[in-house]
Structure formats: structure tokens, C-alpha cells
C-alpha atoms as a PDB file:
ATOM      1  CA  UNK A   1      -1.387 -42.558  14.626  1.00  0.00           C
ATOM      2  CA  UNK A   2      -2.772 -43.793  11.508  1.00  0.00           C
ATOM      3  CA  UNK A   3      -5.734 -42.020  10.282  1.00  0.00           C
ATOM      4  CA  UNK A   4      -7.865 -44.860  10.768  1.00  0.00           C
ATOM      5  CA  UNK A   5      -6.860 -45.627  14.165  1.00  0.00           C
ATOM      6  CA  UNK A   6      -7.613 -42.057  14.954  1.00  0.00           C
ATOM      7  CA  UNK A   7     -11.051 -42.464  13.605  1.00  0.00           C
ATOM      8  CA  UNK A   8     -11.496 -45.526  15.959  1.00  0.00           C
ATOM      9  CA  UNK A   9     -10.151 -43.569  18.934  1.00  0.00           C
ATOM     10  CA  UNK A  10     -12.243 -40.544  18.197  1.00  0.00           C
ATOM     11  CA  UNK A  11     -15.733 -42.985  17.704  1.00  0.00           C
ATOM     12  CA  UNK A  12     -15.035 -44.887  20.981  1.00  0.00           C
ATOM     13  CA  UNK A  13     -14.481 -41.320  22.950  1.00  0.00           C
ATOM     14  CA  UNK A  14     -18.054 -40.186  21.303  1.00  0.00           C
ATOM     15  CA  UNK A  15     -19.427 -43.509  22.657  1.00  0.00           C
ATOM     16  CA  UNK A  16     -17.992 -42.680  26.052  1.00  0.00           C
ATOM     17  CA  UNK A  17     -15.468 -45.586  26.073  1.00  0.00           C
ATOM     18  CA  UNK A  18     -11.674 -44.366  26.993  1.00  0.00           C
ATOM     19  CA  UNK A  19      -9.312 -46.534  25.418  1.00  0.00           C
ATOM     20  CA  UNK A  20      -5.461 -46.554  24.467  1.00  0.00           C
ATOM     21  CA  UNK A  21      -4.626 -47.635  21.199  1.00  0.00           C
ATOM     22  CA  UNK A  22      -1.435 -49.545  20.548  1.00  0.00           C
ATOM     23  CA  UNK A  23       0.432 -50.106  17.309  1.00  0.00           C
ATOM     24  CA  UNK A  24       2.680 -53.039  16.853  1.00  0.00           C
ATOM     25  CA  UNK A  25       5.088 -52.980  13.505  1.00  0.00           C
ATOM     26  CA  UNK A  26       4.989 -56.773  13.575  1.00  0.00           C
ATOM     27  CA  UNK A  27       1.263 -56.791  12.985  1.00  0.00           C
ATOM     28  CA  UNK A  28      -1.993 -57.977  14.783  1.00  0.00           C
ATOM     29  CA  UNK A  29      -3.630 -59.164  11.444  1.00  0.00           C
ATOM     30  CA  UNK A  30      -4.364 -62.801  12.805  1.00  0.00           C
ATOM     31  CA  UNK A  31      -5.957 -63.634  16.347  1.00  0.00           C
ATOM     32  CA  UNK A  32      -2.457 -65.454  17.094  1.00  0.00           C
ATOM     33  CA  UNK A  33      -0.605 -62.429  16.244  1.00  0.00           C
ATOM     34  CA  UNK A  34      -2.600 -60.094  18.262  1.00  0.00           C
ATOM     35  CA  UNK A  35      -2.719 -62.267  21.352  1.00  0.00           C
ATOM     36  CA  UNK A  36       1.132 -62.437  21.309  1.00  0.00           C
ATOM     37  CA  UNK A  37       1.400 -58.705  20.847  1.00  0.00           C
ATOM     38  CA  UNK A  38      -1.037 -57.929  23.775  1.00  0.00           C
ATOM     39  CA  UNK A  39       0.227 -60.785  25.909  1.00  0.00           C
ATOM     40  CA  UNK A  40      -3.214 -62.160  26.356  1.00  0.00           C
ATOM     41  CA  UNK A  41      -5.220 -65.612  25.878  1.00  0.00           C
ATOM     42  CA  UNK A  42      -6.390 -65.965  21.960  1.00  0.00           C
ATOM     43  CA  UNK A  43     -10.028 -66.067  23.301  1.00  0.00           C
ATOM     44  CA  UNK A  44      -9.723 -62.349  24.233  1.00  0.00           C
ATOM     45  CA  UNK A  45      -9.091 -61.294  20.830  1.00  0.00           C
ATOM     46  CA  UNK A  46     -12.053 -60.137  18.912  1.00  0.00           C
ATOM     47  CA  UNK A  47     -12.283 -61.018  15.536  1.00  0.00           C
ATOM     48  CA  UNK A  48     -14.811 -58.407  13.622  1.00  0.00           C
ATOM     49  CA  UNK A  49     -15.985 -60.550  10.752  1.00  0.00           C
ATOM     50  CA  UNK A  50     -18.216 -59.064   8.396  1.00  0.00           C
ATOM     51  CA  UNK A  51     -20.687 -61.592   6.487  1.00  0.00           C
ATOM     52  CA  UNK A  52     -23.959 -60.541   4.228  1.00  0.00           C
ATOM     53  CA  UNK A  53     -27.512 -62.252   5.411  1.00  0.00           C
ATOM     54  CA  UNK A  54     -29.977 -62.193   2.836  1.00  0.00           C
ATOM     55  CA  UNK A  55     -27.863 -59.698   1.083  1.00  0.00           C
ATOM     56  CA  UNK A  56     -27.406 -57.418   4.259  1.00  0.00           C
ATOM     57  CA  UNK A  57     -24.076 -56.940   5.863  1.00  0.00           C
ATOM     58  CA  UNK A  58     -23.845 -58.096   9.551  1.00  0.00           C
ATOM     59  CA  UNK A  59     -20.765 -57.867  11.709  1.00  0.00           C
ATOM     60  CA  UNK A  60     -19.976 -60.683  14.102  1.00  0.00           C
ATOM     61  CA  UNK A  61     -17.541 -60.217  16.949  1.00  0.00           C
ATOM     62  CA  UNK A  62     -16.205 -63.398  17.574  1.00  0.00           C
ATOM     63  CA  UNK A  63     -13.566 -64.960  20.052  1.00  0.00           C
ATOM     64  CA  UNK A  64     -10.082 -65.260  18.634  1.00  0.00           C
ATOM     65  CA  UNK A  65     -10.398 -68.865  19.895  1.00  0.00           C
ATOM     66  CA  UNK A  66     -13.491 -69.701  17.905  1.00  0.00           C
ATOM     67  CA  UNK A  67     -14.940 -70.284  14.421  1.00  0.00           C
ATOM     68  CA  UNK A  68     -18.065 -68.161  13.325  1.00  0.00           C
ATOM     69  CA  UNK A  69     -20.978 -70.739  12.378  1.00  0.00           C
ATOM     70  CA  UNK A  70     -23.145 -69.542   9.624  1.00  0.00           C
ATOM     71  CA  UNK A  71     -25.859 -71.888  10.413  1.00  0.00           C
ATOM     72  CA  UNK A  72     -26.414 -70.313  13.544  1.00  0.00           C
ATOM     73  CA  UNK A  73     -26.243 -66.746  12.187  1.00  0.00           C
ATOM     74  CA  UNK A  74     -28.806 -67.575   9.680  1.00  0.00           C
ATOM     75  CA  UNK A  75     -31.013 -69.033  12.348  1.00  0.00           C
ATOM     76  CA  UNK A  76     -30.856 -65.593  13.992  1.00  0.00           C
ATOM     77  CA  UNK A  77     -32.358 -63.938  10.853  1.00  0.00           C
ATOM     78  CA  UNK A  78     -34.788 -67.008  10.428  1.00  0.00           C
ATOM     79  CA  UNK A  79     -33.209 -67.489   6.827  1.00  0.00           C
ATOM     80  CA  UNK A  80     -31.488 -70.523   5.268  1.00  0.00           C
ATOM     81  CA  UNK A  81     -27.662 -71.170   5.538  1.00  0.00           C
ATOM     82  CA  UNK A  82     -27.180 -70.383   1.879  1.00  0.00           C
ATOM     83  CA  UNK A  83     -28.458 -66.784   2.475  1.00  0.00           C
ATOM     84  CA  UNK A  84     -25.145 -66.225   4.544  1.00  0.00           C
ATOM     85  CA  UNK A  85     -21.871 -65.340   2.727  1.00  0.00           C
ATOM     86  CA  UNK A  86     -18.811 -63.865   3.198  1.00  0.00           C
ATOM     87  CA  UNK A  87     -18.508 -60.793   1.069  1.00  0.00           C
ATOM     88  CA  UNK A  88     -15.429 -59.450  -0.920  1.00  0.00           C
ATOM     89  CA  UNK A  89     -13.413 -56.665   0.556  1.00  0.00           C
ATOM     90  CA  UNK A  90     -15.172 -53.875  -1.261  1.00  0.00           C
ATOM     91  CA  UNK A  91     -18.499 -54.865   0.582  1.00  0.00           C
ATOM     92  CA  UNK A  92     -16.659 -54.892   4.164  1.00  0.00           C
ATOM     93  CA  UNK A  93     -15.091 -51.687   3.371  1.00  0.00           C
ATOM     94  CA  UNK A  94     -18.501 -50.132   1.995  1.00  0.00           C
ATOM     95  CA  UNK A  95     -20.335 -51.364   5.012  1.00  0.00           C
ATOM     96  CA  UNK A  96     -17.544 -50.606   7.897  1.00  0.00           C
ATOM     97  CA  UNK A  97     -15.472 -47.970   6.266  1.00  0.00           C
ATOM     98  CA  UNK A  98     -12.450 -50.007   7.375  1.00  0.00           C
ATOM     99  CA  UNK A  99     -10.270 -52.396   5.201  1.00  0.00           C
ATOM    100  CA  UNK A 100      -9.812 -56.100   6.244  1.00  0.00           C
ATOM    101  CA  UNK A 101      -7.443 -56.762   9.013  1.00  0.00           C
ATOM    102  CA  UNK A 102      -8.596 -53.271  10.764  1.00  0.00           C
ATOM    103  CA  UNK A 103     -12.371 -53.929  10.982  1.00  0.00           C
ATOM    104  CA  UNK A 104     -13.881 -52.900  14.108  1.00  0.00           C
ATOM    105  CA  UNK A 105     -17.346 -52.046  15.470  1.00  0.00           C
ATOM    106  CA  UNK A 106     -16.792 -48.488  16.142  1.00  0.00           C
ATOM    107  CA  UNK A 107     -17.169 -45.618  13.540  1.00  0.00           C
ATOM    108  CA  UNK A 108     -18.717 -47.633  11.223  1.00  0.00           C
ATOM    109  CA  UNK A 109     -19.773 -46.293   7.816  1.00  0.00           C
ATOM    110  CA  UNK A 110     -23.301 -47.789   7.766  1.00  0.00           C
ATOM    111  CA  UNK A 111     -25.577 -48.779  10.545  1.00  0.00           C
ATOM    112  CA  UNK A 112     -25.340 -52.658  10.847  1.00  0.00           C
ATOM    113  CA  UNK A 113     -26.511 -55.402  13.025  1.00  0.00           C
ATOM    114  CA  UNK A 114     -23.568 -56.516  15.473  1.00  0.00           C
ATOM    115  CA  UNK A 115     -23.542 -59.989  17.129  1.00  0.00           C
ATOM    116  CA  UNK A 116     -21.015 -60.780  19.865  1.00  0.00           C
ATOM    117  CA  UNK A 117     -19.879 -64.306  20.467  1.00  0.00           C
ATOM    118  CA  UNK A 118     -21.052 -65.358  24.079  1.00  0.00           C
ATOM    119  CA  UNK A 119     -17.544 -66.771  24.611  1.00  0.00           C
ATOM    120  CA  UNK A 120     -16.178 -63.460  24.663  1.00  0.00           C
ATOM    121  CA  UNK A 121     -18.278 -62.616  28.078  1.00  0.00           C
ATOM    122  CA  UNK A 122     -16.248 -64.717  30.008  1.00  0.00           C
ATOM    123  CA  UNK A 123     -13.467 -62.513  29.868  1.00  0.00           C
ATOM    124  CA  UNK A 124     -13.432 -59.176  31.785  1.00  0.00           C
ATOM    125  CA  UNK A 125     -11.587 -57.469  28.976  1.00  0.00           C
ATOM    126  CA  UNK A 126     -11.006 -58.384  25.363  1.00  0.00           C
ATOM    127  CA  UNK A 127      -8.676 -56.978  22.450  1.00  0.00           C
ATOM    128  CA  UNK A 128     -10.036 -55.257  19.500  1.00  0.00           C
ATOM    129  CA  UNK A 129      -8.668 -54.058  15.871  1.00  0.00           C
ATOM    130  CA  UNK A 130      -8.209 -50.469  15.864  1.00  0.00           C
ATOM    131  CA  UNK A 131      -8.634 -49.754  12.141  1.00  0.00           C
ATOM    132  CA  UNK A 132      -5.348 -51.031  10.716  1.00  0.00           C
ATOM    133  CA  UNK A 133      -3.533 -54.526  10.707  1.00  0.00           C
ATOM    134  CA  UNK A 134      -0.895 -53.169  13.321  1.00  0.00           C
ATOM    135  CA  UNK A 135      -3.279 -51.676  16.116  1.00  0.00           C
ATOM    136  CA  UNK A 136      -5.475 -52.680  18.683  1.00  0.00           C
ATOM    137  CA  UNK A 137      -6.962 -51.690  21.822  1.00  0.00           C
ATOM    138  CA  UNK A 138      -8.278 -53.274  25.122  1.00  0.00           C
ATOM    139  CA  UNK A 139     -11.622 -52.750  26.351  1.00  0.00           C
ATOM    140  CA  UNK A 140     -14.177 -54.218  29.181  1.00  0.00           C
ATOM    141  CA  UNK A 141     -16.424 -56.643  27.417  1.00  0.00           C
ATOM    142  CA  UNK A 142     -19.198 -54.859  29.180  1.00  0.00           C
ATOM    143  CA  UNK A 143     -18.402 -51.586  27.694  1.00  0.00           C
ATOM    144  CA  UNK A 144     -17.898 -53.193  24.515  1.00  0.00           C
ATOM    145  CA  UNK A 145     -21.670 -54.445  24.447  1.00  0.00           C
ATOM    146  CA  UNK A 146     -23.087 -51.411  25.762  1.00  0.00           C
ATOM    147  CA  UNK A 147     -21.176 -48.951  23.658  1.00  0.00           C
ATOM    148  CA  UNK A 148     -22.009 -50.907  20.210  1.00  0.00           C
ATOM    149  CA  UNK A 149     -25.015 -52.352  20.976  1.00  0.00           C
ATOM    150  CA  UNK A 150     -23.779 -55.766  20.318  1.00  0.00           C
ATOM    151  CA  UNK A 151     -26.223 -58.596  20.680  1.00  0.00           C
ATOM    152  CA  UNK A 152     -24.661 -61.740  22.555  1.00  0.00           C
ATOM    153  CA  UNK A 153     -25.481 -64.824  20.745  1.00  0.00           C
ATOM    154  CA  UNK A 154     -24.382 -68.437  20.290  1.00  0.00           C
ATOM    155  CA  UNK A 155     -22.527 -68.148  16.884  1.00  0.00           C
ATOM    156  CA  UNK A 156     -19.507 -70.272  17.262  1.00  0.00           C
ATOM    157  CA  UNK A 157     -18.877 -73.562  15.561  1.00  0.00           C
ATOM    158  CA  UNK A 158     -19.430 -76.430  17.927  1.00  0.00           C
END
């Protein structure tokens, strides 16, 4: 198992969540690729997106069927939309400890806020990146919320 995937596995175990990590040589970098590999609905794929709000990194767990709405994220922090930005890969890596394509909410390098797209709550289970662009794992949505401290919110584009 790739060291980043092992880190995810260890972090989920420490959080009291038992998972199986599946590695796919063809890749799971996009929501479409991950859904095809997992054999699930694209809405069940969790896109772990990092933004900065007023300069501070935050993570948004967004359904693979949706796009994140920066205006809604800004409203959660009571700041203007211009305060929400997509950071570069270096900021993502520093905040999470993972490279883009493998970002997930477990074993984070820093303590950051995590928001969860409420559309994910319609699914009993969802699929999350496991530290690399080739690895994912399935988890009960309720366990994802409980073990990461994610706050459900309407953060999708209308």
C-alpha cells in the first residue's frame, strides 16, 4: 500500500472507523473516474476541496455531482465572496499533508474546518480519496461526519 494510503488507513483506525482501501491502477482522480471504479453513483463520490477563507484553509467535502459555491462558503464565515479563494497545490499540501488528487479529511497536517455538502447525506455510504489519485474507500456517511467533525451545510451551486 502507498505510504499516503497507509496514513489514511491509520488515521481512520485511530478515529474508530474501519475501512478497506481499494487501489485502482487506472486512477480515481476525477469524480467520474472514481464512480466508475467504485461502481457507484457519481453523487456518492466525495470531492475533498480546499479553499482559503480570509487566508485560512478550510475543507469542503462536496458530492461528485455538484460544484462548490464560494458565495455560500463566504456566507458561513460572514465574509465577502472575494475572501474565498482556491489556493495553490503548496497550500493544499501544507494544510492537509496530501497532494491534490489524494486529499481527504483524515490524518490532516493541520486542524482545519471541514464542511460537508448536505447532498451527501442522501446516501448511506460515500466514497472518499485515500491519499493518492489511485485509491479510494467507502464509508458510511454518518461515520464520515462523526469521525471528521464535518459540519453539514448547503455549499453547492444552485
